[in-house]
Amino acid sequence: MSDRVVLVAAVADNGVIGDGPDIPWRIPGEQAEFKALTMGHTLVMGRTTFESIGRPLPGRTTVVLTRDPSWSHEGVLVAGDIVSALALAAQQQGDVMVAGGAQVYAAALPYATDQVLTLVHLAPDGDVRYPAYEPSAWVESRRDAGAQYDRVWLRRAEHSARLALSGGTGGS
């Protein structure tokens, strides 16, 4: 069980995260890094995102958020709202990793303690965007710079302050 809620997303320079159900880029190694980052944790994602993947991802528990009370899929947990999804995920192994789509990111943002953003150095066409957030509310704790993208770890500033006051490290 964890109190960390981590938004994990790949975001283009223009804010695009998708084009319909598709990711509008293919960057070697980027999805392998997503796998390494989320392995052993619990993923929260919307039904459309889950259906674009088509199956639960190995080594991770999956909580699917859907408004359809009759929807189900073998091997996943289902929740009808973001609060229920995050509570259910928090009872599972590892950190809560929110993996999309845009509506789920926007709904989870107020609860997020961390963001791990892959900042893709492209400006593709796309109709799905990462939600806006107040940069001053976040502290960059790590940045891995690359040719095609930077991976950036952000921690909510108030969460960082609480950890410092308590003497904790919070991991990263």
N, C-alpha and C. Protein backbone atom coordinates (compact mmCIF):
# COMPACT_ATOMS: atom_id res chain seq x y z
N MET A 1 0.85 -1.18 0.00
CA MET A 1 0.00 0.00 0.00
C MET A 1 0.89 1.24 0.00
N SER A 2 0.42 2.26 -0.69
CA SER A 2 1.23 3.46 -0.86
C SER A 2 0.37 4.70 -0.78
N ASP A 3 0.97 5.78 -0.32
CA ASP A 3 0.27 7.06 -0.35
C ASP A 3 0.71 7.90 -1.53
N ARG A 4 1.56 7.33 -2.39
CA ARG A 4 2.01 8.05 -3.58
C ARG A 4 1.06 7.82 -4.73
N VAL A 5 0.67 8.91 -5.39
CA VAL A 5 -0.11 8.85 -6.62
C VAL A 5 0.73 9.55 -7.68
N VAL A 6 1.21 8.76 -8.64
CA VAL A 6 2.16 9.23 -9.64
C VAL A 6 1.50 9.27 -11.01
N LEU A 7 1.44 10.44 -11.63
CA LEU A 7 0.96 10.54 -13.00
C LEU A 7 2.14 10.26 -13.92
N VAL A 8 1.99 9.28 -14.81
CA VAL A 8 3.05 8.89 -15.73
C VAL A 8 2.54 9.14 -17.15
N ALA A 9 3.22 10.03 -17.87
CA ALA A 9 2.75 10.37 -19.21
C ALA A 9 3.91 10.77 -20.11
N ALA A 10 3.72 10.52 -21.39
CA ALA A 10 4.61 11.05 -22.42
C ALA A 10 3.87 12.21 -23.08
N VAL A 11 4.50 13.39 -23.05
CA VAL A 11 3.85 14.62 -23.49
C VAL A 11 4.73 15.31 -24.53
N ALA A 12 4.17 15.59 -25.69
CA ALA A 12 4.91 16.31 -26.73
C ALA A 12 5.06 17.78 -26.35
N ASP A 13 5.96 18.47 -27.04
CA ASP A 13 6.20 19.89 -26.78
C ASP A 13 4.92 20.72 -26.86
N ASN A 14 3.96 20.30 -27.68
CA ASN A 14 2.71 21.04 -27.84
C ASN A 14 1.60 20.52 -26.93
N GLY A 15 1.94 19.66 -25.96
CA GLY A 15 0.97 19.15 -25.00
C GLY A 15 0.22 17.91 -25.44
N VAL A 16 0.44 17.46 -26.68
CA VAL A 16 -0.27 16.29 -27.21
C VAL A 16 0.23 15.03 -26.52
N ILE A 17 -0.73 14.17 -26.13
CA ILE A 17 -0.38 12.85 -25.59
C ILE A 17 -0.97 11.73 -26.44
N GLY A 18 -1.87 12.09 -27.36
CA GLY A 18 -2.47 11.06 -28.20
C GLY A 18 -3.20 11.65 -29.39
N ASP A 19 -3.48 10.77 -30.31
CA ASP A 19 -4.29 11.11 -31.48
C ASP A 19 -5.36 10.03 -31.55
N GLY A 20 -6.54 10.33 -30.98
CA GLY A 20 -7.53 9.29 -30.77
C GLY A 20 -6.93 8.28 -29.80
N PRO A 21 -7.04 6.99 -30.10
CA PRO A 21 -6.47 5.99 -29.20
C PRO A 21 -4.98 5.72 -29.42
N ASP A 22 -4.37 6.42 -30.38
CA ASP A 22 -2.99 6.13 -30.75
C ASP A 22 -2.01 7.13 -30.16
N ILE A 23 -0.80 6.68 -29.90
CA ILE A 23 0.30 7.56 -29.52
C ILE A 23 0.95 8.01 -30.83
N PRO A 24 1.05 9.33 -31.06
CA PRO A 24 1.51 9.81 -32.37
C PRO A 24 3.02 9.84 -32.56
N TRP A 25 3.75 8.93 -31.93
CA TRP A 25 5.18 8.80 -32.14
C TRP A 25 5.61 7.40 -31.73
N ARG A 26 6.73 6.99 -32.25
CA ARG A 26 7.39 5.73 -31.85
C ARG A 26 8.84 6.09 -31.58
N ILE A 27 9.22 6.02 -30.33
CA ILE A 27 10.59 6.35 -29.96
C ILE A 27 11.21 5.12 -29.31
N PRO A 28 12.25 4.57 -29.93
CA PRO A 28 12.88 3.37 -29.38
C PRO A 28 13.27 3.58 -27.91
N GLY A 29 12.89 2.61 -27.09
CA GLY A 29 13.27 2.63 -25.68
C GLY A 29 12.30 3.32 -24.76
N GLU A 30 11.45 4.21 -25.28
CA GLU A 30 10.56 4.98 -24.41
C GLU A 30 9.54 4.08 -23.72
N GLN A 31 8.94 3.15 -24.44
CA GLN A 31 7.96 2.27 -23.82
C GLN A 31 8.62 1.28 -22.87
N ALA A 32 9.85 0.89 -23.13
CA ALA A 32 10.58 0.01 -22.21
C ALA A 32 10.83 0.73 -20.89
N GLU A 33 11.08 2.03 -20.96
CA GLU A 33 11.27 2.82 -19.73
C GLU A 33 9.95 2.91 -18.95
N PHE A 34 8.82 3.04 -19.66
CA PHE A 34 7.51 3.04 -19.00
C PHE A 34 7.32 1.72 -18.26
N LYS A 35 7.65 0.63 -18.92
CA LYS A 35 7.51 -0.70 -18.32
C LYS A 35 8.37 -0.79 -17.05
N ALA A 36 9.63 -0.38 -17.12
CA ALA A 36 10.52 -0.45 -15.97
C ALA A 36 10.02 0.42 -14.82
N LEU A 37 9.51 1.59 -15.15
CA LEU A 37 9.02 2.52 -14.14
C LEU A 37 7.79 1.99 -13.41
N THR A 38 6.91 1.31 -14.14
CA THR A 38 5.62 0.89 -13.58
C THR A 38 5.59 -0.55 -13.09
N MET A 39 6.59 -1.35 -13.41
CA MET A 39 6.61 -2.76 -13.03
C MET A 39 6.49 -2.90 -11.51
N GLY A 40 5.59 -3.78 -11.08
CA GLY A 40 5.39 -4.03 -9.66
C GLY A 40 4.47 -3.04 -8.98
N HIS A 41 3.94 -2.09 -9.73
CA HIS A 41 3.05 -1.08 -9.17
C HIS A 41 1.63 -1.31 -9.69
N THR A 42 0.72 -0.44 -9.31
CA THR A 42 -0.67 -0.54 -9.74
C THR A 42 -0.98 0.59 -10.70
N LEU A 43 -1.48 0.23 -11.89
CA LEU A 43 -1.84 1.22 -12.91
C LEU A 43 -3.32 1.58 -12.78
N VAL A 44 -3.61 2.86 -12.89
CA VAL A 44 -4.98 3.34 -13.01
C VAL A 44 -5.09 3.97 -14.39
N MET A 45 -6.09 3.53 -15.16
CA MET A 45 -6.27 4.08 -16.50
C MET A 45 -7.75 4.05 -16.86
N GLY A 46 -8.09 4.89 -17.80
CA GLY A 46 -9.45 4.91 -18.31
C GLY A 46 -9.72 3.71 -19.20
N ARG A 47 -10.99 3.46 -19.41
CA ARG A 47 -11.41 2.32 -20.23
C ARG A 47 -10.88 2.43 -21.65
N THR A 48 -10.94 3.60 -22.25
CA THR A 48 -10.46 3.78 -23.62
C THR A 48 -8.97 3.48 -23.72
N THR A 49 -8.20 3.96 -22.76
CA THR A 49 -6.77 3.67 -22.74
C THR A 49 -6.54 2.18 -22.60
N PHE A 50 -7.26 1.55 -21.67
CA PHE A 50 -7.12 0.11 -21.48
C PHE A 50 -7.46 -0.64 -22.77
N GLU A 51 -8.57 -0.26 -23.41
CA GLU A 51 -8.97 -0.96 -24.63
C GLU A 51 -7.99 -0.74 -25.77
N SER A 52 -7.27 0.40 -25.79
CA SER A 52 -6.26 0.60 -26.83
C SER A 52 -5.05 -0.31 -26.59
N ILE A 53 -4.80 -0.67 -25.32
CA ILE A 53 -3.74 -1.63 -25.00
C ILE A 53 -4.25 -3.05 -25.24
N GLY A 54 -5.49 -3.30 -24.82
CA GLY A 54 -6.15 -4.56 -25.12
C GLY A 54 -6.02 -5.67 -24.09
N ARG A 55 -5.19 -5.45 -23.07
CA ARG A 55 -4.98 -6.50 -22.07
C ARG A 55 -4.33 -5.88 -20.84
N PRO A 56 -4.44 -6.57 -19.69
CA PRO A 56 -3.68 -6.10 -18.53
C PRO A 56 -2.18 -6.24 -18.81
N LEU A 57 -1.40 -5.28 -18.39
CA LEU A 57 0.04 -5.35 -18.59
C LEU A 57 0.67 -6.26 -17.55
N PRO A 58 1.53 -7.17 -17.97
CA PRO A 58 2.14 -8.13 -17.04
C PRO A 58 2.93 -7.43 -15.93
N GLY A 59 2.89 -8.03 -14.74
CA GLY A 59 3.68 -7.54 -13.63
C GLY A 59 3.12 -6.32 -12.94
N ARG A 60 1.91 -5.92 -13.32
CA ARG A 60 1.27 -4.76 -12.73
C ARG A 60 -0.20 -5.07 -12.50
N THR A 61 -0.76 -4.57 -11.41
CA THR A 61 -2.21 -4.63 -11.20
C THR A 61 -2.82 -3.48 -11.99
N THR A 62 -3.98 -3.71 -12.59
CA THR A 62 -4.63 -2.67 -13.38
C THR A 62 -6.01 -2.36 -12.80
N VAL A 63 -6.26 -1.07 -12.58
CA VAL A 63 -7.57 -0.58 -12.19
C VAL A 63 -8.08 0.25 -13.37
N VAL A 64 -9.22 -0.14 -13.92
CA VAL A 64 -9.81 0.58 -15.05
C VAL A 64 -10.95 1.45 -14.54
N LEU A 65 -10.91 2.70 -14.93
CA LEU A 65 -11.93 3.67 -14.57
C LEU A 65 -12.93 3.77 -15.72
N THR A 66 -14.21 3.53 -15.42
CA THR A 66 -15.24 3.60 -16.45
C THR A 66 -16.56 4.05 -15.85
N ARG A 67 -17.34 4.77 -16.64
CA ARG A 67 -18.69 5.18 -16.21
C ARG A 67 -19.71 4.08 -16.46
N ASP A 68 -19.32 3.03 -17.19
CA ASP A 68 -20.24 1.95 -17.54
C ASP A 68 -20.21 0.89 -16.43
N PRO A 69 -21.26 0.83 -15.60
CA PRO A 69 -21.25 -0.11 -14.48
C PRO A 69 -21.28 -1.58 -14.91
N SER A 70 -21.60 -1.86 -16.16
CA SER A 70 -21.65 -3.25 -16.62
C SER A 70 -20.33 -3.69 -17.27
N TRP A 71 -19.37 -2.77 -17.43
CA TRP A 71 -18.12 -3.11 -18.10
C TRP A 71 -17.25 -3.96 -17.17
N SER A 72 -16.63 -4.97 -17.74
CA SER A 72 -15.65 -5.76 -16.99
C SER A 72 -14.68 -6.37 -17.98
N HIS A 73 -13.55 -6.79 -17.46
CA HIS A 73 -12.54 -7.47 -18.27
C HIS A 73 -11.76 -8.37 -17.33
N GLU A 74 -11.49 -9.57 -17.78
CA GLU A 74 -10.75 -10.51 -16.96
C GLU A 74 -9.38 -9.95 -16.59
N GLY A 75 -9.03 -10.05 -15.32
CA GLY A 75 -7.70 -9.67 -14.88
C GLY A 75 -7.53 -8.22 -14.47
N VAL A 76 -8.64 -7.44 -14.45
CA VAL A 76 -8.53 -6.05 -14.03
C VAL A 76 -9.57 -5.74 -12.96
N LEU A 77 -9.29 -4.74 -12.16
CA LEU A 77 -10.25 -4.21 -11.19
C LEU A 77 -10.95 -3.03 -11.85
N VAL A 78 -12.18 -2.76 -11.46
CA VAL A 78 -12.97 -1.71 -12.11
C VAL A 78 -13.49 -0.74 -11.06
N ALA A 79 -13.46 0.55 -11.39
CA ALA A 79 -13.98 1.59 -10.52
C ALA A 79 -14.80 2.58 -11.35
N GLY A 80 -15.79 3.19 -10.73
CA GLY A 80 -16.69 4.10 -11.43
C GLY A 80 -16.34 5.56 -11.31
N ASP A 81 -15.40 5.92 -10.42
CA ASP A 81 -15.00 7.33 -10.28
C ASP A 81 -13.55 7.38 -9.80
N ILE A 82 -12.94 8.54 -9.91
CA ILE A 82 -11.51 8.66 -9.63
C ILE A 82 -11.20 8.37 -8.17
N VAL A 83 -12.04 8.82 -7.24
CA VAL A 83 -11.78 8.58 -5.82
C VAL A 83 -11.79 7.09 -5.53
N SER A 84 -12.78 6.37 -6.07
CA SER A 84 -12.85 4.92 -5.87
C SER A 84 -11.67 4.23 -6.53
N ALA A 85 -11.29 4.67 -7.73
CA ALA A 85 -10.17 4.06 -8.44
C ALA A 85 -8.87 4.23 -7.66
N LEU A 86 -8.62 5.43 -7.14
CA LEU A 86 -7.39 5.67 -6.39
C LEU A 86 -7.39 4.90 -5.07
N ALA A 87 -8.55 4.83 -4.41
CA ALA A 87 -8.64 4.08 -3.15
C ALA A 87 -8.40 2.59 -3.39
N LEU A 88 -8.98 2.06 -4.45
CA LEU A 88 -8.80 0.65 -4.78
C LEU A 88 -7.34 0.37 -5.13
N ALA A 89 -6.75 1.26 -5.91
CA ALA A 89 -5.34 1.10 -6.31
C ALA A 89 -4.41 1.20 -5.10
N ALA A 90 -4.72 2.07 -4.15
CA ALA A 90 -3.87 2.25 -2.97
C ALA A 90 -3.83 1.00 -2.10
N GLN A 91 -4.83 0.13 -2.24
CA GLN A 91 -4.87 -1.11 -1.47
C GLN A 91 -4.05 -2.22 -2.13
N GLN A 92 -3.54 -1.96 -3.32
CA GLN A 92 -2.80 -2.95 -4.09
C GLN A 92 -1.30 -2.76 -3.86
N GLN A 93 -0.51 -3.57 -4.54
CA GLN A 93 0.94 -3.54 -4.42
C GLN A 93 1.54 -2.28 -5.04
N GLY A 94 2.56 -1.74 -4.41
CA GLY A 94 3.36 -0.66 -4.98
C GLY A 94 2.66 0.69 -4.97
N ASP A 95 3.22 1.60 -5.74
CA ASP A 95 2.65 2.94 -5.88
C ASP A 95 1.47 2.91 -6.83
N VAL A 96 0.64 3.95 -6.74
CA VAL A 96 -0.46 4.14 -7.67
C VAL A 96 0.12 4.93 -8.84
N MET A 97 0.07 4.34 -10.04
CA MET A 97 0.61 4.96 -11.25
C MET A 97 -0.55 5.24 -12.21
N VAL A 98 -0.87 6.50 -12.41
CA VAL A 98 -1.95 6.88 -13.31
C VAL A 98 -1.38 6.94 -14.72
N ALA A 99 -2.01 6.18 -15.64
CA ALA A 99 -1.44 5.99 -16.97
C ALA A 99 -2.35 6.47 -18.09
N GLY A 100 -3.30 7.35 -17.80
CA GLY A 100 -4.08 7.95 -18.87
C GLY A 100 -5.50 7.46 -18.95
N GLY A 101 -6.22 8.02 -19.81
CA GLY A 101 -5.99 9.10 -20.74
C GLY A 101 -6.19 10.48 -20.12
N ALA A 102 -6.43 11.44 -20.99
CA ALA A 102 -6.46 12.84 -20.59
C ALA A 102 -7.48 13.12 -19.49
N GLN A 103 -8.68 12.56 -19.59
CA GLN A 103 -9.70 12.80 -18.56
C GLN A 103 -9.28 12.20 -17.22
N VAL A 104 -8.63 11.06 -17.25
CA VAL A 104 -8.18 10.42 -16.01
C VAL A 104 -7.02 11.22 -15.41
N TYR A 105 -6.09 11.68 -16.25
CA TYR A 105 -5.02 12.54 -15.73
C TYR A 105 -5.61 13.78 -15.06
N ALA A 106 -6.55 14.43 -15.74
CA ALA A 106 -7.15 15.66 -15.19
C ALA A 106 -7.86 15.38 -13.87
N ALA A 107 -8.58 14.27 -13.80
CA ALA A 107 -9.30 13.92 -12.56
C ALA A 107 -8.34 13.56 -11.43
N ALA A 108 -7.22 12.93 -11.76
CA ALA A 108 -6.26 12.49 -10.74
C ALA A 108 -5.29 13.58 -10.33
N LEU A 109 -5.12 14.61 -11.14
CA LEU A 109 -4.12 15.65 -10.86
C LEU A 109 -4.24 16.24 -9.45
N PRO A 110 -5.44 16.55 -8.95
CA PRO A 110 -5.52 17.12 -7.60
C PRO A 110 -5.03 16.16 -6.51
N TYR A 111 -5.00 14.87 -6.77
CA TYR A 111 -4.59 13.86 -5.80
C TYR A 111 -3.13 13.45 -5.97
N ALA A 112 -2.50 13.87 -7.05
CA ALA A 112 -1.15 13.42 -7.39
C ALA A 112 -0.12 13.98 -6.43
N THR A 113 0.79 13.10 -6.00
CA THR A 113 1.95 13.52 -5.22
C THR A 113 3.16 13.73 -6.11
N ASP A 114 3.16 13.04 -7.27
CA ASP A 114 4.30 13.06 -8.18
C ASP A 114 3.82 12.98 -9.62
N GLN A 115 4.69 13.44 -10.52
CA GLN A 115 4.50 13.23 -11.95
C GLN A 115 5.83 12.75 -12.51
N VAL A 116 5.78 11.79 -13.41
CA VAL A 116 6.96 11.40 -14.19
C VAL A 116 6.56 11.63 -15.64
N LEU A 117 7.13 12.68 -16.21
CA LEU A 117 6.74 13.09 -17.56
C LEU A 117 7.90 12.86 -18.53
N THR A 118 7.58 12.17 -19.61
CA THR A 118 8.51 12.03 -20.71
C THR A 118 8.19 13.17 -21.66
N LEU A 119 9.06 14.18 -21.70
CA LEU A 119 8.84 15.36 -22.52
C LEU A 119 9.42 15.09 -23.89
N VAL A 120 8.54 14.76 -24.83
CA VAL A 120 8.93 14.34 -26.17
C VAL A 120 9.19 15.58 -27.03
N HIS A 121 10.35 15.64 -27.65
CA HIS A 121 10.76 16.80 -28.43
C HIS A 121 10.18 16.75 -29.84
N LEU A 122 8.85 16.72 -29.91
CA LEU A 122 8.09 16.72 -31.16
C LEU A 122 6.85 17.59 -30.95
N ALA A 123 6.20 17.96 -32.05
CA ALA A 123 4.93 18.68 -31.98
C ALA A 123 3.95 18.04 -32.96
N PRO A 124 3.54 16.79 -32.68
CA PRO A 124 2.68 16.06 -33.62
C PRO A 124 1.23 16.55 -33.57
N ASP A 125 0.50 16.24 -34.64
CA ASP A 125 -0.93 16.44 -34.61
C ASP A 125 -1.51 15.45 -33.61
N GLY A 126 -2.58 15.88 -32.94
CA GLY A 126 -3.24 14.99 -32.00
C GLY A 126 -4.39 15.72 -31.33
N ASP A 127 -5.38 14.95 -30.90
CA ASP A 127 -6.56 15.56 -30.30
C ASP A 127 -6.67 15.30 -28.80
N VAL A 128 -5.65 14.66 -28.22
CA VAL A 128 -5.66 14.37 -26.79
C VAL A 128 -4.46 15.07 -26.16
N ARG A 129 -4.72 15.87 -25.12
CA ARG A 129 -3.67 16.68 -24.50
C ARG A 129 -3.56 16.40 -23.01
N TYR A 130 -2.36 16.55 -22.51
CA TYR A 130 -2.13 16.43 -21.07
C TYR A 130 -2.73 17.65 -20.39
N PRO A 131 -3.32 17.48 -19.21
CA PRO A 131 -3.95 18.63 -18.56
C PRO A 131 -2.92 19.67 -18.10
N ALA A 132 -3.34 20.92 -18.13
CA ALA A 132 -2.49 22.00 -17.64
C ALA A 132 -2.35 21.86 -16.13
N TYR A 133 -1.17 22.20 -15.63
CA TYR A 133 -0.94 22.20 -14.18
C TYR A 133 -0.08 23.42 -13.85
N GLU A 134 -0.14 23.84 -12.60
CA GLU A 134 0.61 25.01 -12.16
C GLU A 134 2.07 24.60 -11.88
N PRO A 135 3.02 25.02 -12.73
CA PRO A 135 4.41 24.61 -12.53
C PRO A 135 4.97 24.96 -11.14
N SER A 136 4.53 26.07 -10.56
CA SER A 136 5.07 26.46 -9.26
C SER A 136 4.63 25.53 -8.13
N ALA A 137 3.65 24.68 -8.39
CA ALA A 137 3.18 23.72 -7.38
C ALA A 137 4.02 22.45 -7.38
N TRP A 138 5.01 22.37 -8.27
CA TRP A 138 5.81 21.15 -8.43
C TRP A 138 7.29 21.47 -8.36
N VAL A 139 8.06 20.54 -7.79
CA VAL A 139 9.50 20.67 -7.67
C VAL A 139 10.13 19.56 -8.52
N GLU A 140 11.04 19.95 -9.42
CA GLU A 140 11.74 18.94 -10.22
C GLU A 140 12.79 18.28 -9.35
N SER A 141 12.70 16.94 -9.22
CA SER A 141 13.64 16.22 -8.38
C SER A 141 14.69 15.46 -9.19
N ARG A 142 14.43 15.29 -10.49
CA ARG A 142 15.37 14.56 -11.34
C ARG A 142 15.02 14.85 -12.79
N ARG A 143 16.05 14.85 -13.63
CA ARG A 143 15.85 15.00 -15.07
C ARG A 143 16.90 14.16 -15.79
N ASP A 144 16.41 13.27 -16.66
CA ASP A 144 17.30 12.51 -17.52
C ASP A 144 17.11 13.05 -18.93
N ALA A 145 18.11 13.77 -19.43
CA ALA A 145 18.01 14.42 -20.73
C ALA A 145 18.43 13.44 -21.82
N GLY A 146 17.69 13.48 -22.91
CA GLY A 146 18.01 12.63 -24.06
C GLY A 146 17.85 13.40 -25.35
N ALA A 147 18.19 12.76 -26.45
CA ALA A 147 18.12 13.41 -27.76
C ALA A 147 16.67 13.61 -28.20
N GLN A 148 15.83 12.60 -27.99
CA GLN A 148 14.44 12.68 -28.47
C GLN A 148 13.45 13.06 -27.39
N TYR A 149 13.86 12.91 -26.12
CA TYR A 149 12.97 13.27 -25.02
C TYR A 149 13.77 13.43 -23.73
N ASP A 150 13.19 14.16 -22.79
CA ASP A 150 13.72 14.25 -21.43
C ASP A 150 12.71 13.55 -20.53
N ARG A 151 13.19 12.80 -19.57
CA ARG A 151 12.29 12.23 -18.56
C ARG A 151 12.48 13.08 -17.30
N VAL A 152 11.35 13.62 -16.79
CA VAL A 152 11.39 14.56 -15.68
C VAL A 152 10.54 14.03 -14.53
N TRP A 153 11.12 14.03 -13.33
CA TRP A 153 10.41 13.63 -12.12
C TRP A 153 10.02 14.90 -11.37
N LEU A 154 8.74 15.05 -11.11
CA LEU A 154 8.22 16.20 -10.38
C LEU A 154 7.55 15.71 -9.11
N ARG A 155 7.74 16.43 -8.02
CA ARG A 155 7.06 16.14 -6.76
C ARG A 155 6.27 17.37 -6.38
N ARG A 156 5.04 17.15 -5.92
CA ARG A 156 4.22 18.28 -5.49
C ARG A 156 4.98 19.03 -4.39
N ALA A 157 5.09 20.35 -4.52
CA ALA A 157 5.89 21.16 -3.61
C ALA A 157 5.45 20.98 -2.16
N GLU A 158 4.16 20.96 -1.89
CA GLU A 158 3.70 20.80 -0.51
C GLU A 158 4.05 19.42 0.03
N HIS A 159 4.07 18.39 -0.84
CA HIS A 159 4.45 17.04 -0.43
C HIS A 159 5.94 17.02 -0.08
N SER A 160 6.76 17.71 -0.86
CA SER A 160 8.19 17.79 -0.59
C SER A 160 8.44 18.48 0.74
N ALA A 161 7.69 19.55 1.01
CA ALA A 161 7.85 20.28 2.26
C ALA A 161 7.46 19.40 3.45
N ARG A 162 6.36 18.64 3.33
CA ARG A 162 5.93 17.74 4.40
C ARG A 162 7.00 16.67 4.66
N LEU A 163 7.59 16.12 3.60
CA LEU A 163 8.63 15.10 3.76
C LEU A 163 9.85 15.67 4.47
N ALA A 164 10.24 16.89 4.10
CA ALA A 164 11.41 17.52 4.73
C ALA A 164 11.16 17.76 6.22
N LEU A 165 9.96 18.21 6.56
CA LEU A 165 9.62 18.46 7.95
C LEU A 165 9.59 17.18 8.77
N SER A 166 9.16 16.08 8.14
CA SER A 166 9.06 14.81 8.85
C SER A 166 10.38 14.03 8.84
N GLY A 167 11.35 14.51 8.06
CA GLY A 167 12.63 13.82 7.97
C GLY A 167 12.63 12.67 6.99
N GLY A 168 11.51 12.51 6.24
CA GLY A 168 11.40 11.42 5.28
C GLY A 168 12.04 11.78 3.96
N THR A 169 12.26 10.75 3.15
CA THR A 169 12.84 10.98 1.83
C THR A 169 11.81 10.81 0.74
N GLY A 170 10.81 9.97 0.98
CA GLY A 170 9.75 9.75 0.00
C GLY A 170 10.16 8.94 -1.20
N GLY A 171 11.43 8.62 -1.35
CA GLY A 171 11.86 7.82 -2.50
C GLY A 171 11.60 8.53 -3.80
N SER A 172 12.09 8.00 -4.87
CA SER A 172 11.83 8.59 -6.19
C SER A 172 12.30 7.68 -7.27
